[in-house]
Amino acid sequence: MVVGVVEIDVHGMTTEDAIKEIRRQLAGATSATYRIRVIHGYHGGTRIRDGIQEEFGYERESKVKRISMGNNPGITELILREL
């Protein structure tokens, strides 16, 4: 794990459970954490990806400055602060 980046693997979770886990990680994020990387997969993870966009996008969560797609379509990153 890269310092400042929290990775969460939500493969096999329901969208509801994945969002609960992301909220748990957000609540525990320290000032050193600048990014939460959610690994949801591509083929079966698109429902989770869409749920993340809906739940945390559009300034709905004050800790999340923006949402970015990862290096592959199976990853979504929640940016908590810019470097």
PDB file of N, CA and C in Angstrom:
ATOM      1  N   MET A   1       0.841  -1.177   0.000  1.00  0.00           N
ATOM      2  CA  MET A   1       0.000   0.000   0.000  1.00  0.00           C
ATOM      3  C   MET A   1       0.889   1.245   0.000  1.00  0.00           C
ATOM      4  N   VAL A   2       0.545   2.193  -0.814  1.00  0.00           N
ATOM      5  CA  VAL A   2       1.248   3.460  -0.876  1.00  0.00           C
ATOM      6  C   VAL A   2       0.805   4.302   0.327  1.00  0.00           C
ATOM      7  N   VAL A   3       1.747   5.003   0.946  1.00  0.00           N
ATOM      8  CA  VAL A   3       1.406   5.859   2.077  1.00  0.00           C
ATOM      9  C   VAL A   3       0.402   6.916   1.616  1.00  0.00           C
ATOM     10  N   GLY A   4      -0.656   7.086   2.386  1.00  0.00           N
ATOM     11  CA  GLY A   4      -1.665   8.076   2.035  1.00  0.00           C
ATOM     12  C   GLY A   4      -2.786   7.541   1.175  1.00  0.00           C
ATOM     13  N   VAL A   5      -2.635   6.299   0.708  1.00  0.00           N
ATOM     14  CA  VAL A   5      -3.663   5.674  -0.121  1.00  0.00           C
ATOM     15  C   VAL A   5      -4.209   4.458   0.618  1.00  0.00           C
ATOM     16  N   VAL A   6      -5.519   4.439   0.821  1.00  0.00           N
ATOM     17  CA  VAL A   6      -6.176   3.289   1.441  1.00  0.00           C
ATOM     18  C   VAL A   6      -6.840   2.498   0.321  1.00  0.00           C
ATOM     19  N   GLU A   7      -6.545   1.208   0.242  1.00  0.00           N
ATOM     20  CA  GLU A   7      -7.169   0.354  -0.772  1.00  0.00           C
ATOM     21  C   GLU A   7      -8.229  -0.525  -0.117  1.00  0.00           C
ATOM     22  N   ILE A   8      -9.379  -0.580  -0.762  1.00  0.00           N
ATOM     23  CA  ILE A   8     -10.472  -1.422  -0.295  1.00  0.00           C
ATOM     24  C   ILE A   8     -10.861  -2.339  -1.442  1.00  0.00           C
ATOM     25  N   ASP A   9     -10.853  -3.634  -1.210  1.00  0.00           N
ATOM     26  CA  ASP A   9     -11.295  -4.595  -2.218  1.00  0.00           C
ATOM     27  C   ASP A   9     -12.720  -5.011  -1.874  1.00  0.00           C
ATOM     28  N   VAL A  10     -13.666  -4.638  -2.723  1.00  0.00           N
ATOM     29  CA  VAL A  10     -15.080  -4.918  -2.449  1.00  0.00           C
ATOM     30  C   VAL A  10     -15.648  -5.983  -3.388  1.00  0.00           C
ATOM     31  N   HIS A  11     -14.770  -6.751  -4.035  1.00  0.00           N
ATOM     32  CA  HIS A  11     -15.231  -7.854  -4.873  1.00  0.00           C
ATOM     33  C   HIS A  11     -16.170  -8.748  -4.075  1.00  0.00           C
ATOM     34  N   GLY A  12     -17.264  -9.126  -4.661  1.00  0.00           N
ATOM     35  CA  GLY A  12     -18.190 -10.054  -4.024  1.00  0.00           C
ATOM     36  C   GLY A  12     -19.156  -9.414  -3.047  1.00  0.00           C
ATOM     37  N   MET A  13     -18.987  -8.136  -2.767  1.00  0.00           N
ATOM     38  CA  MET A  13     -19.914  -7.453  -1.859  1.00  0.00           C
ATOM     39  C   MET A  13     -21.117  -6.928  -2.637  1.00  0.00           C
ATOM     40  N   THR A  14     -22.202  -6.712  -1.908  1.00  0.00           N
ATOM     41  CA  THR A  14     -23.325  -6.003  -2.515  1.00  0.00           C
ATOM     42  C   THR A  14     -22.957  -4.527  -2.551  1.00  0.00           C
ATOM     43  N   THR A  15     -23.672  -3.758  -3.340  1.00  0.00           N
ATOM     44  CA  THR A  15     -23.424  -2.319  -3.408  1.00  0.00           C
ATOM     45  C   THR A  15     -23.602  -1.698  -2.024  1.00  0.00           C
ATOM     46  N   GLU A  16     -24.628  -2.110  -1.338  1.00  0.00           N
ATOM     47  CA  GLU A  16     -24.918  -1.599   0.008  1.00  0.00           C
ATOM     48  C   GLU A  16     -23.755  -1.870   0.968  1.00  0.00           C
ATOM     49  N   ASP A  17     -23.243  -3.096   0.967  1.00  0.00           N
ATOM     50  CA  ASP A  17     -22.125  -3.450   1.852  1.00  0.00           C
ATOM     51  C   ASP A  17     -20.853  -2.701   1.460  1.00  0.00           C
ATOM     52  N   ALA A  18     -20.626  -2.537   0.159  1.00  0.00           N
ATOM     53  CA  ALA A  18     -19.443  -1.809  -0.306  1.00  0.00           C
ATOM     54  C   ALA A  18     -19.498  -0.355   0.158  1.00  0.00           C
ATOM     55  N   ILE A  19     -20.651   0.274   0.059  1.00  0.00           N
ATOM     56  CA  ILE A  19     -20.795   1.667   0.486  1.00  0.00           C
ATOM     57  C   ILE A  19     -20.604   1.787   1.996  1.00  0.00           C
ATOM     58  N   LYS A  20     -21.095   0.823   2.760  1.00  0.00           N
ATOM     59  CA  LYS A  20     -20.879   0.821   4.214  1.00  0.00           C
ATOM     60  C   LYS A  20     -19.384   0.750   4.531  1.00  0.00           C
ATOM     61  N   GLU A  21     -18.666  -0.111   3.813  1.00  0.00           N
ATOM     62  CA  GLU A  21     -17.226  -0.249   4.041  1.00  0.00           C
ATOM     63  C   GLU A  21     -16.490   1.034   3.660  1.00  0.00           C
ATOM     64  N   ILE A  22     -16.883   1.647   2.563  1.00  0.00           N
ATOM     65  CA  ILE A  22     -16.256   2.913   2.154  1.00  0.00           C
ATOM     66  C   ILE A  22     -16.516   3.982   3.212  1.00  0.00           C
ATOM     67  N   ARG A  23     -17.735   4.058   3.716  1.00  0.00           N
ATOM     68  CA  ARG A  23     -18.065   5.038   4.770  1.00  0.00           C
ATOM     69  C   ARG A  23     -17.224   4.778   6.028  1.00  0.00           C
ATOM     70  N   ARG A  24     -17.021   3.513   6.359  1.00  0.00           N
ATOM     71  CA  ARG A  24     -16.197   3.158   7.520  1.00  0.00           C
ATOM     72  C   ARG A  24     -14.761   3.644   7.331  1.00  0.00           C
ATOM     73  N   GLN A  25     -14.232   3.436   6.120  1.00  0.00           N
ATOM     74  CA  GLN A  25     -12.866   3.886   5.828  1.00  0.00           C
ATOM     75  C   GLN A  25     -12.773   5.414   5.816  1.00  0.00           C
ATOM     76  N   LEU A  26     -13.797   6.079   5.295  1.00  0.00           N
ATOM     77  CA  LEU A  26     -13.822   7.548   5.304  1.00  0.00           C
ATOM     78  C   LEU A  26     -13.811   8.081   6.730  1.00  0.00           C
ATOM     79  N   ALA A  27     -14.593   7.458   7.590  1.00  0.00           N
ATOM     80  CA  ALA A  27     -14.676   7.896   8.992  1.00  0.00           C
ATOM     81  C   ALA A  27     -13.324   7.739   9.693  1.00  0.00           C
ATOM     82  N   GLY A  28     -12.575   6.727   9.321  1.00  0.00           N
ATOM     83  CA  GLY A  28     -11.284   6.470   9.956  1.00  0.00           C
ATOM     84  C   GLY A  28     -10.098   7.095   9.249  1.00  0.00           C
ATOM     85  N   ALA A  29     -10.341   7.813   8.169  1.00  0.00           N
ATOM     86  CA  ALA A  29      -9.244   8.410   7.394  1.00  0.00           C
ATOM     87  C   ALA A  29      -8.566   9.512   8.205  1.00  0.00           C
ATOM     88  N   THR A  30      -7.253   9.458   8.231  1.00  0.00           N
ATOM     89  CA  THR A  30      -6.473  10.489   8.932  1.00  0.00           C
ATOM     90  C   THR A  30      -6.098  11.591   7.947  1.00  0.00           C
ATOM     91  N   SER A  31      -5.446  12.616   8.455  1.00  0.00           N
ATOM     92  CA  SER A  31      -5.021  13.715   7.585  1.00  0.00           C
ATOM     93  C   SER A  31      -3.956  13.257   6.592  1.00  0.00           C
ATOM     94  N   ALA A  32      -3.300  12.131   6.862  1.00  0.00           N
ATOM     95  CA  ALA A  32      -2.297  11.599   5.936  1.00  0.00           C
ATOM     96  C   ALA A  32      -2.944  10.903   4.742  1.00  0.00           C
ATOM     97  N   THR A  33      -4.205  10.538   4.857  1.00  0.00           N
ATOM     98  CA  THR A  33      -4.906   9.843   3.772  1.00  0.00           C
ATOM     99  C   THR A  33      -5.402  10.865   2.757  1.00  0.00           C
ATOM    100  N   TYR A  34      -4.969  10.699   1.517  1.00  0.00           N
ATOM    101  CA  TYR A  34      -5.435  11.620   0.485  1.00  0.00           C
ATOM    102  C   TYR A  34      -6.271  10.924  -0.582  1.00  0.00           C
ATOM    103  N   ARG A  35      -6.314   9.599  -0.553  1.00  0.00           N
ATOM    104  CA  ARG A  35      -7.044   8.874  -1.582  1.00  0.00           C
ATOM    105  C   ARG A  35      -7.533   7.540  -1.040  1.00  0.00           C
ATOM    106  N   ILE A  36      -8.761   7.189  -1.391  1.00  0.00           N
ATOM    107  CA  ILE A  36      -9.283   5.858  -1.098  1.00  0.00           C
ATOM    108  C   ILE A  36      -9.532   5.176  -2.431  1.00  0.00           C
ATOM    109  N   ARG A  37      -8.820   4.096  -2.652  1.00  0.00           N
ATOM    110  CA  ARG A  37      -8.903   3.347  -3.905  1.00  0.00           C
ATOM    111  C   ARG A  37      -9.822   2.153  -3.688  1.00  0.00           C
ATOM    112  N   VAL A  38     -10.939   2.134  -4.409  1.00  0.00           N
ATOM    113  CA  VAL A  38     -11.924   1.065  -4.277  1.00  0.00           C
ATOM    114  C   VAL A  38     -11.776   0.123  -5.467  1.00  0.00           C
ATOM    115  N   ILE A  39     -11.449  -1.118  -5.189  1.00  0.00           N
ATOM    116  CA  ILE A  39     -11.280  -2.136  -6.228  1.00  0.00           C
ATOM    117  C   ILE A  39     -12.579  -2.932  -6.266  1.00  0.00           C
ATOM    118  N   HIS A  40     -13.348  -2.721  -7.312  1.00  0.00           N
ATOM    119  CA  HIS A  40     -14.671  -3.348  -7.404  1.00  0.00           C
ATOM    120  C   HIS A  40     -14.789  -4.319  -8.559  1.00  0.00           C
ATOM    121  N   GLY A  41     -13.822  -4.338  -9.447  1.00  0.00           N
ATOM    122  CA  GLY A  41     -13.908  -5.198 -10.619  1.00  0.00           C
ATOM    123  C   GLY A  41     -14.690  -4.519 -11.729  1.00  0.00           C
ATOM    124  N   TYR A  42     -14.602  -5.095 -12.897  1.00  0.00           N
ATOM    125  CA  TYR A  42     -15.234  -4.453 -14.045  1.00  0.00           C
ATOM    126  C   TYR A  42     -16.562  -5.109 -14.424  1.00  0.00           C
ATOM    127  N   HIS A  43     -16.534  -6.371 -14.722  1.00  0.00           N
ATOM    128  CA  HIS A  43     -17.748  -7.017 -15.232  1.00  0.00           C
ATOM    129  C   HIS A  43     -18.852  -7.068 -14.185  1.00  0.00           C
ATOM    130  N   GLY A  44     -18.549  -7.544 -12.989  1.00  0.00           N
ATOM    131  CA  GLY A  44     -19.564  -7.610 -11.945  1.00  0.00           C
ATOM    132  C   GLY A  44     -19.559  -6.383 -11.043  1.00  0.00           C
ATOM    133  N   GLY A  45     -18.557  -5.515 -11.193  1.00  0.00           N
ATOM    134  CA  GLY A  45     -18.406  -4.376 -10.289  1.00  0.00           C
ATOM    135  C   GLY A  45     -19.004  -3.081 -10.781  1.00  0.00           C
ATOM    136  N   THR A  46     -19.597  -3.095 -11.963  1.00  0.00           N
ATOM    137  CA  THR A  46     -20.124  -1.834 -12.489  1.00  0.00           C
ATOM    138  C   THR A  46     -21.294  -1.316 -11.647  1.00  0.00           C
ATOM    139  N   ARG A  47     -22.051  -2.183 -11.054  1.00  0.00           N
ATOM    140  CA  ARG A  47     -23.142  -1.759 -10.180  1.00  0.00           C
ATOM    141  C   ARG A  47     -22.573  -1.027  -8.959  1.00  0.00           C
ATOM    142  N   ILE A  48     -21.483  -1.550  -8.423  1.00  0.00           N
ATOM    143  CA  ILE A  48     -20.827  -0.894  -7.285  1.00  0.00           C
ATOM    144  C   ILE A  48     -20.244   0.440  -7.730  1.00  0.00           C
ATOM    145  N   ARG A  49     -19.595   0.464  -8.879  1.00  0.00           N
ATOM    146  CA  ARG A  49     -19.027   1.719  -9.397  1.00  0.00           C
ATOM    147  C   ARG A  49     -20.108   2.789  -9.522  1.00  0.00           C
ATOM    148  N   ASP A  50     -21.245   2.422 -10.089  1.00  0.00           N
ATOM    149  CA  ASP A  50     -22.352   3.371 -10.240  1.00  0.00           C
ATOM    150  C   ASP A  50     -22.878   3.819  -8.883  1.00  0.00           C
ATOM    151  N   GLY A  51     -22.943   2.898  -7.920  1.00  0.00           N
ATOM    152  CA  GLY A  51     -23.385   3.238  -6.574  1.00  0.00           C
ATOM    153  C   GLY A  51     -22.441   4.210  -5.888  1.00  0.00           C
ATOM    154  N   ILE A  52     -21.142   4.034  -6.111  1.00  0.00           N
ATOM    155  CA  ILE A  52     -20.144   4.947  -5.545  1.00  0.00           C
ATOM    156  C   ILE A  52     -20.344   6.347  -6.122  1.00  0.00           C
ATOM    157  N   GLN A  53     -20.518   6.417  -7.436  1.00  0.00           N
ATOM    158  CA  GLN A  53     -20.740   7.724  -8.087  1.00  0.00           C
ATOM    159  C   GLN A  53     -21.976   8.407  -7.510  1.00  0.00           C
ATOM    160  N   GLU A  54     -23.032   7.644  -7.351  1.00  0.00           N
ATOM    161  CA  GLU A  54     -24.286   8.202  -6.860  1.00  0.00           C
ATOM    162  C   GLU A  54     -24.186   8.622  -5.396  1.00  0.00           C
ATOM    163  N   GLU A  55     -23.538   7.818  -4.586  1.00  0.00           N
ATOM    164  CA  GLU A  55     -23.471   8.061  -3.146  1.00  0.00           C
ATOM    165  C   GLU A  55     -22.475   9.162  -2.765  1.00  0.00           C
ATOM    166  N   PHE A  56     -21.329   9.215  -3.455  1.00  0.00           N
ATOM    167  CA  PHE A  56     -20.252  10.110  -3.033  1.00  0.00           C
ATOM    168  C   PHE A  56     -19.972  11.247  -4.017  1.00  0.00           C
ATOM    169  N   GLY A  57     -20.581  11.226  -5.189  1.00  0.00           N
ATOM    170  CA  GLY A  57     -20.356  12.268  -6.186  1.00  0.00           C
ATOM    171  C   GLY A  57     -21.176  13.511  -5.911  1.00  0.00           C
ATOM    172  N   TYR A  58     -20.948  14.514  -6.704  1.00  0.00           N
ATOM    173  CA  TYR A  58     -21.747  15.742  -6.654  1.00  0.00           C
ATOM    174  C   TYR A  58     -21.740  16.384  -5.271  1.00  0.00           C
ATOM    175  N   GLU A  59     -20.575  16.334  -4.599  1.00  0.00           N
ATOM    176  CA  GLU A  59     -20.368  16.965  -3.295  1.00  0.00           C
ATOM    177  C   GLU A  59     -21.335  16.471  -2.219  1.00  0.00           C
ATOM    178  N   ARG A  60     -21.772  15.216  -2.325  1.00  0.00           N
ATOM    179  CA  ARG A  60     -22.683  14.645  -1.331  1.00  0.00           C
ATOM    180  C   ARG A  60     -21.961  14.245  -0.052  1.00  0.00           C
ATOM    181  N   GLU A  61     -20.670  14.035  -0.143  1.00  0.00           N
ATOM    182  CA  GLU A  61     -19.860  13.677   1.031  1.00  0.00           C
ATOM    183  C   GLU A  61     -18.773  14.745   1.161  1.00  0.00           C
ATOM    184  N   SER A  62     -18.761  15.455   2.277  1.00  0.00           N
ATOM    185  CA  SER A  62     -17.847  16.598   2.431  1.00  0.00           C
ATOM    186  C   SER A  62     -16.369  16.203   2.385  1.00  0.00           C
ATOM    187  N   LYS A  63     -16.023  14.993   2.790  1.00  0.00           N
ATOM    188  CA  LYS A  63     -14.624  14.570   2.775  1.00  0.00           C
ATOM    189  C   LYS A  63     -14.117  14.264   1.360  1.00  0.00           C
ATOM    190  N   VAL A  64     -15.016  13.957   0.443  1.00  0.00           N
ATOM    191  CA  VAL A  64     -14.624  13.565  -0.916  1.00  0.00           C
ATOM    192  C   VAL A  64     -14.633  14.803  -1.811  1.00  0.00           C
ATOM    193  N   LYS A  65     -13.446  15.184  -2.269  1.00  0.00           N
ATOM    194  CA  LYS A  65     -13.326  16.365  -3.139  1.00  0.00           C
ATOM    195  C   LYS A  65     -13.747  16.054  -4.569  1.00  0.00           C
ATOM    196  N   ARG A  66     -13.381  14.857  -5.018  1.00  0.00           N
ATOM    197  CA  ARG A  66     -13.775  14.428  -6.362  1.00  0.00           C
ATOM    198  C   ARG A  66     -13.606  12.920  -6.476  1.00  0.00           C
ATOM    199  N   ILE A  67     -14.204  12.375  -7.529  1.00  0.00           N
ATOM    200  CA  ILE A  67     -14.091  10.947  -7.817  1.00  0.00           C
ATOM    201  C   ILE A  67     -13.347  10.799  -9.134  1.00  0.00           C
ATOM    202  N   SER A  68     -12.430   9.849  -9.166  1.00  0.00           N
ATOM    203  CA  SER A  68     -11.624   9.618 -10.364  1.00  0.00           C
ATOM    204  C   SER A  68     -11.638   8.130 -10.696  1.00  0.00           C
ATOM    205  N   MET A  69     -11.627   7.810 -11.962  1.00  0.00           N
ATOM    206  CA  MET A  69     -11.494   6.416 -12.369  1.00  0.00           C
ATOM    207  C   MET A  69     -10.029   6.027 -12.199  1.00  0.00           C
ATOM    208  N   GLY A  70      -9.781   4.833 -11.799  1.00  0.00           N
ATOM    209  CA  GLY A  70      -8.421   4.361 -11.592  1.00  0.00           C
ATOM    210  C   GLY A  70      -7.723   4.069 -12.907  1.00  0.00           C
ATOM    211  N   ASN A  71      -6.596   3.381 -12.803  1.00  0.00           N
ATOM    212  CA  ASN A  71      -5.810   3.035 -13.988  1.00  0.00           C
ATOM    213  C   ASN A  71      -6.485   1.977 -14.844  1.00  0.00           C
ATOM    214  N   ASN A  72      -7.484   1.305 -14.298  1.00  0.00           N
ATOM    215  CA  ASN A  72      -8.263   0.359 -15.094  1.00  0.00           C
ATOM    216  C   ASN A  72      -9.734   0.525 -14.720  1.00  0.00           C
ATOM    217  N   PRO A  73     -10.646   0.043 -15.541  1.00  0.00           N
ATOM    218  CA  PRO A  73     -12.069   0.286 -15.293  1.00  0.00           C
ATOM    219  C   PRO A  73     -12.638  -0.427 -14.065  1.00  0.00           C
ATOM    220  N   GLY A  74     -11.871  -1.252 -13.405  1.00  0.00           N
ATOM    221  CA  GLY A  74     -12.331  -1.947 -12.209  1.00  0.00           C
ATOM    222  C   GLY A  74     -11.971  -1.232 -10.920  1.00  0.00           C
ATOM    223  N   ILE A  75     -11.479   0.003 -11.032  1.00  0.00           N
ATOM    224  CA  ILE A  75     -11.059   0.781  -9.866  1.00  0.00           C
ATOM    225  C   ILE A  75     -11.691   2.156  -9.908  1.00  0.00           C
ATOM    226  N   THR A  76     -12.197   2.599  -8.757  1.00  0.00           N
ATOM    227  CA  THR A  76     -12.681   3.960  -8.595  1.00  0.00           C
ATOM    228  C   THR A  76     -11.935   4.560  -7.424  1.00  0.00           C
ATOM    229  N   GLU A  77     -11.476   5.795  -7.574  1.00  0.00           N
ATOM    230  CA  GLU A  77     -10.723   6.452  -6.506  1.00  0.00           C
ATOM    231  C   GLU A  77     -11.476   7.662  -5.972  1.00  0.00           C
ATOM    232  N   LEU A  78     -11.578   7.726  -4.659  1.00  0.00           N
ATOM    233  CA  LEU A  78     -12.164   8.877  -3.987  1.00  0.00           C
ATOM    234  C   LEU A  78     -11.009   9.775  -3.544  1.00  0.00           C
ATOM    235  N   ILE A  79     -10.953  10.973  -4.087  1.00  0.00           N
ATOM    236  CA  ILE A  79      -9.872  11.902  -3.775  1.00  0.00           C
ATOM    237  C   ILE A  79     -10.309  12.752  -2.588  1.00  0.00           C
ATOM    238  N   LEU A  80      -9.586  12.646  -1.477  1.00  0.00           N
ATOM    239  CA  LEU A  80      -9.928  13.388  -0.271  1.00  0.00           C
ATOM    240  C   LEU A  80      -9.227  14.741  -0.225  1.00  0.00           C
ATOM    241  N   ARG A  81      -8.047  14.800  -0.799  1.00  0.00           N
ATOM    242  CA  ARG A  81      -7.319  16.073  -0.918  1.00  0.00           C
ATOM    243  C   ARG A  81      -6.306  15.938  -2.049  1.00  0.00           C
ATOM    244  N   GLU A  82      -5.972  17.071  -2.618  1.00  0.00           N
ATOM    245  CA  GLU A  82      -4.986  17.082  -3.703  1.00  0.00           C
ATOM    246  C   GLU A  82      -3.585  17.134  -3.087  1.00  0.00           C
ATOM    247  N   LEU A  83      -2.642  16.556  -3.782  1.00  0.00           N
ATOM    248  CA  LEU A  83      -1.248  16.592  -3.304  1.00  0.00           C
ATOM    249  C   LEU A  83      -0.582  17.882  -3.712  1.00  0.00           C
TER     250      LEU A  83
END
